[in-house]
Amino acid sequence: MAVSVASLILAMRLSWNMFGKGENTRSVFLFAGYLFAPVLACLEAAQIGFVPLIGIVVFMVFETERPFLAGDALVLRFASRIYWYFSGWPFLFTC
């Protein structure tokens, strides 16, 4: 549960750094992100869905500046479910 909450907080802060436009909309962004119904359901059910989320967000942060580190972050996307690992392979061959 602590890993999920920490991943959610980190993902929200990194997303704000990427997409935030001004300080006046920060509270709306965080309010919508933390109180989104699937987020609360995932926390209540103690799912590990935020670990792949943090992998995708870290990939988007490091994509242009450090591509090798961005590729390493995608390993977190495959951390929770093995079938996600197999579903990601076709995207590697299309790029």
C-alpha atoms as a PDB file:
ATOM      1  CA  MET A   1       0.000   0.000   0.000  1.00  0.00           C
ATOM      2  CA  ALA A   2       2.832   2.396   0.824  1.00  0.00           C
ATOM      3  CA  VAL A   3       4.474   1.682  -2.530  1.00  0.00           C
ATOM      4  CA  SER A   4       1.220   2.483  -4.322  1.00  0.00           C
ATOM      5  CA  VAL A   5       0.740   5.760  -2.481  1.00  0.00           C
ATOM      6  CA  ALA A   6       4.361   6.792  -3.023  1.00  0.00           C
ATOM      7  CA  SER A   7       4.107   5.912  -6.724  1.00  0.00           C
ATOM      8  CA  LEU A   8       0.903   7.923  -7.049  1.00  0.00           C
ATOM      9  CA  ILE A   9       2.402  10.983  -5.370  1.00  0.00           C
ATOM     10  CA  LEU A  10       5.558  10.805  -7.486  1.00  0.00           C
ATOM     11  CA  ALA A  11       3.564  10.300 -10.700  1.00  0.00           C
ATOM     12  CA  MET A  12       1.327  13.273  -9.927  1.00  0.00           C
ATOM     13  CA  ARG A  13       4.275  15.554  -9.159  1.00  0.00           C
ATOM     14  CA  LEU A  14       6.182  14.511 -12.287  1.00  0.00           C
ATOM     15  CA  SER A  15       3.034  14.962 -14.385  1.00  0.00           C
ATOM     16  CA  TRP A  16       2.570  18.440 -12.963  1.00  0.00           C
ATOM     17  CA  ASN A  17       6.170  19.300 -13.841  1.00  0.00           C
ATOM     18  CA  MET A  18       5.603  18.141 -17.421  1.00  0.00           C
ATOM     19  CA  PHE A  19       2.125  19.508 -18.092  1.00  0.00           C
ATOM     20  CA  GLY A  20       1.566  22.253 -15.506  1.00  0.00           C
ATOM     21  CA  LYS A  21       0.997  25.686 -17.003  1.00  0.00           C
ATOM     22  CA  GLY A  22       0.692  27.908 -13.940  1.00  0.00           C
ATOM     23  CA  GLU A  23       0.344  27.932 -10.189  1.00  0.00           C
ATOM     24  CA  ASN A  24      -3.317  28.936 -10.307  1.00  0.00           C
ATOM     25  CA  THR A  25      -4.349  25.572 -11.815  1.00  0.00           C
ATOM     26  CA  ARG A  26      -2.147  23.390  -9.591  1.00  0.00           C
ATOM     27  CA  SER A  27      -4.842  22.726  -6.992  1.00  0.00           C
ATOM     28  CA  VAL A  28      -7.370  21.723  -9.658  1.00  0.00           C
ATOM     29  CA  PHE A  29      -4.832  19.379 -11.276  1.00  0.00           C
ATOM     30  CA  LEU A  30      -3.971  17.695  -7.983  1.00  0.00           C
ATOM     31  CA  PHE A  31      -7.602  17.561  -6.848  1.00  0.00           C
ATOM     32  CA  ALA A  32      -8.683  15.877 -10.076  1.00  0.00           C
ATOM     33  CA  GLY A  33      -5.733  13.490 -10.030  1.00  0.00           C
ATOM     34  CA  TYR A  34      -5.978  12.309  -6.448  1.00  0.00           C
ATOM     35  CA  LEU A  35      -9.778  12.089  -6.309  1.00  0.00           C
ATOM     36  CA  PHE A  36     -10.296  10.416  -9.692  1.00  0.00           C
ATOM     37  CA  ALA A  37     -12.575   7.417  -9.056  1.00  0.00           C
ATOM     38  CA  PRO A  38     -10.269   4.700 -10.505  1.00  0.00           C
ATOM     39  CA  VAL A  39      -7.397   6.044  -8.401  1.00  0.00           C
ATOM     40  CA  LEU A  40      -9.417   5.698  -5.207  1.00  0.00           C
ATOM     41  CA  ALA A  41     -10.669   2.255  -6.212  1.00  0.00           C
ATOM     42  CA  CYS A  42      -7.133   1.088  -6.931  1.00  0.00           C
ATOM     43  CA  LEU A  43      -5.945   2.340  -3.545  1.00  0.00           C
ATOM     44  CA  GLU A  44      -8.890   0.795  -1.715  1.00  0.00           C
ATOM     45  CA  ALA A  45      -8.437  -2.593  -3.385  1.00  0.00           C
ATOM     46  CA  ALA A  46      -4.666  -2.452  -2.724  1.00  0.00           C
ATOM     47  CA  GLN A  47      -3.811  -2.971  -6.377  1.00  0.00           C
ATOM     48  CA  ILE A  48      -0.290  -2.449  -7.698  1.00  0.00           C
ATOM     49  CA  GLY A  49      -1.403  -0.441 -10.730  1.00  0.00           C
ATOM     50  CA  PHE A  50       0.570   2.630  -9.750  1.00  0.00           C
ATOM     51  CA  VAL A  51       3.935   0.918 -10.203  1.00  0.00           C
ATOM     52  CA  PRO A  52       3.440   0.585 -13.992  1.00  0.00           C
ATOM     53  CA  LEU A  53       2.076   4.145 -13.945  1.00  0.00           C
ATOM     54  CA  ILE A  54       5.291   5.478 -12.473  1.00  0.00           C
ATOM     55  CA  GLY A  55       7.237   3.555 -15.113  1.00  0.00           C
ATOM     56  CA  ILE A  56       5.326   5.255 -17.912  1.00  0.00           C
ATOM     57  CA  VAL A  57       5.593   8.706 -16.336  1.00  0.00           C
ATOM     58  CA  VAL A  58       9.336   8.368 -15.722  1.00  0.00           C
ATOM     59  CA  PHE A  59       9.705   7.226 -19.334  1.00  0.00           C
ATOM     60  CA  MET A  60       7.961  10.380 -20.541  1.00  0.00           C
ATOM     61  CA  VAL A  61      10.148  12.566 -18.314  1.00  0.00           C
ATOM     62  CA  PHE A  62      13.466  11.104 -19.502  1.00  0.00           C
ATOM     63  CA  GLU A  63      12.486  10.355 -23.106  1.00  0.00           C
ATOM     64  CA  THR A  64      14.323  13.259 -24.750  1.00  0.00           C
ATOM     65  CA  GLU A  65      17.181  13.917 -22.331  1.00  0.00           C
ATOM     66  CA  ARG A  66      18.271  10.431 -21.275  1.00  0.00           C
ATOM     67  CA  PRO A  67      16.797   7.778 -23.588  1.00  0.00           C
ATOM     68  CA  PHE A  68      18.655   4.847 -22.024  1.00  0.00           C
ATOM     69  CA  LEU A  69      17.291   5.659 -18.584  1.00  0.00           C
ATOM     70  CA  ALA A  70      13.846   6.107 -20.140  1.00  0.00           C
ATOM     71  CA  GLY A  71      14.034   2.601 -21.575  1.00  0.00           C
ATOM     72  CA  ASP A  72      15.061   1.241 -18.204  1.00  0.00           C
ATOM     73  CA  ALA A  73      12.027   2.905 -16.619  1.00  0.00           C
ATOM     74  CA  LEU A  74       9.730   0.909 -18.892  1.00  0.00           C
ATOM     75  CA  VAL A  75      10.677  -2.224 -16.963  1.00  0.00           C
ATOM     76  CA  LEU A  76       8.362  -0.932 -14.222  1.00  0.00           C
ATOM     77  CA  ARG A  77       5.511  -1.076 -16.712  1.00  0.00           C
ATOM     78  CA  PHE A  78       5.921  -4.825 -16.870  1.00  0.00           C
ATOM     79  CA  ALA A  79       6.428  -5.279 -13.126  1.00  0.00           C
ATOM     80  CA  SER A  80       2.935  -6.230 -12.068  1.00  0.00           C
ATOM     81  CA  ARG A  81       1.525  -8.471 -14.779  1.00  0.00           C
ATOM     82  CA  ILE A  82       3.344 -10.832 -17.096  1.00  0.00           C
ATOM     83  CA  TYR A  83       0.819 -10.485 -19.918  1.00  0.00           C
ATOM     84  CA  TRP A  84       1.672  -6.759 -20.124  1.00  0.00           C
ATOM     85  CA  TYR A  85       5.208  -7.837 -20.894  1.00  0.00           C
ATOM     86  CA  PHE A  86       4.043  -9.818 -23.905  1.00  0.00           C
ATOM     87  CA  SER A  87       1.633  -7.118 -25.062  1.00  0.00           C
ATOM     88  CA  GLY A  88       4.461  -4.557 -25.181  1.00  0.00           C
ATOM     89  CA  TRP A  89       6.655  -6.408 -27.668  1.00  0.00           C
ATOM     90  CA  PRO A  90       4.703  -5.492 -30.845  1.00  0.00           C
ATOM     91  CA  PHE A  91       5.236  -1.795 -30.082  1.00  0.00           C
ATOM     92  CA  LEU A  92       8.983  -2.270 -30.027  1.00  0.00           C
ATOM     93  CA  PHE A  93       8.995  -3.595 -33.564  1.00  0.00           C
ATOM     94  CA  THR A  94       6.762  -0.883 -35.008  1.00  0.00           C
ATOM     95  CA  CYS A  95       9.028   2.048 -34.073  1.00  0.00           C
END
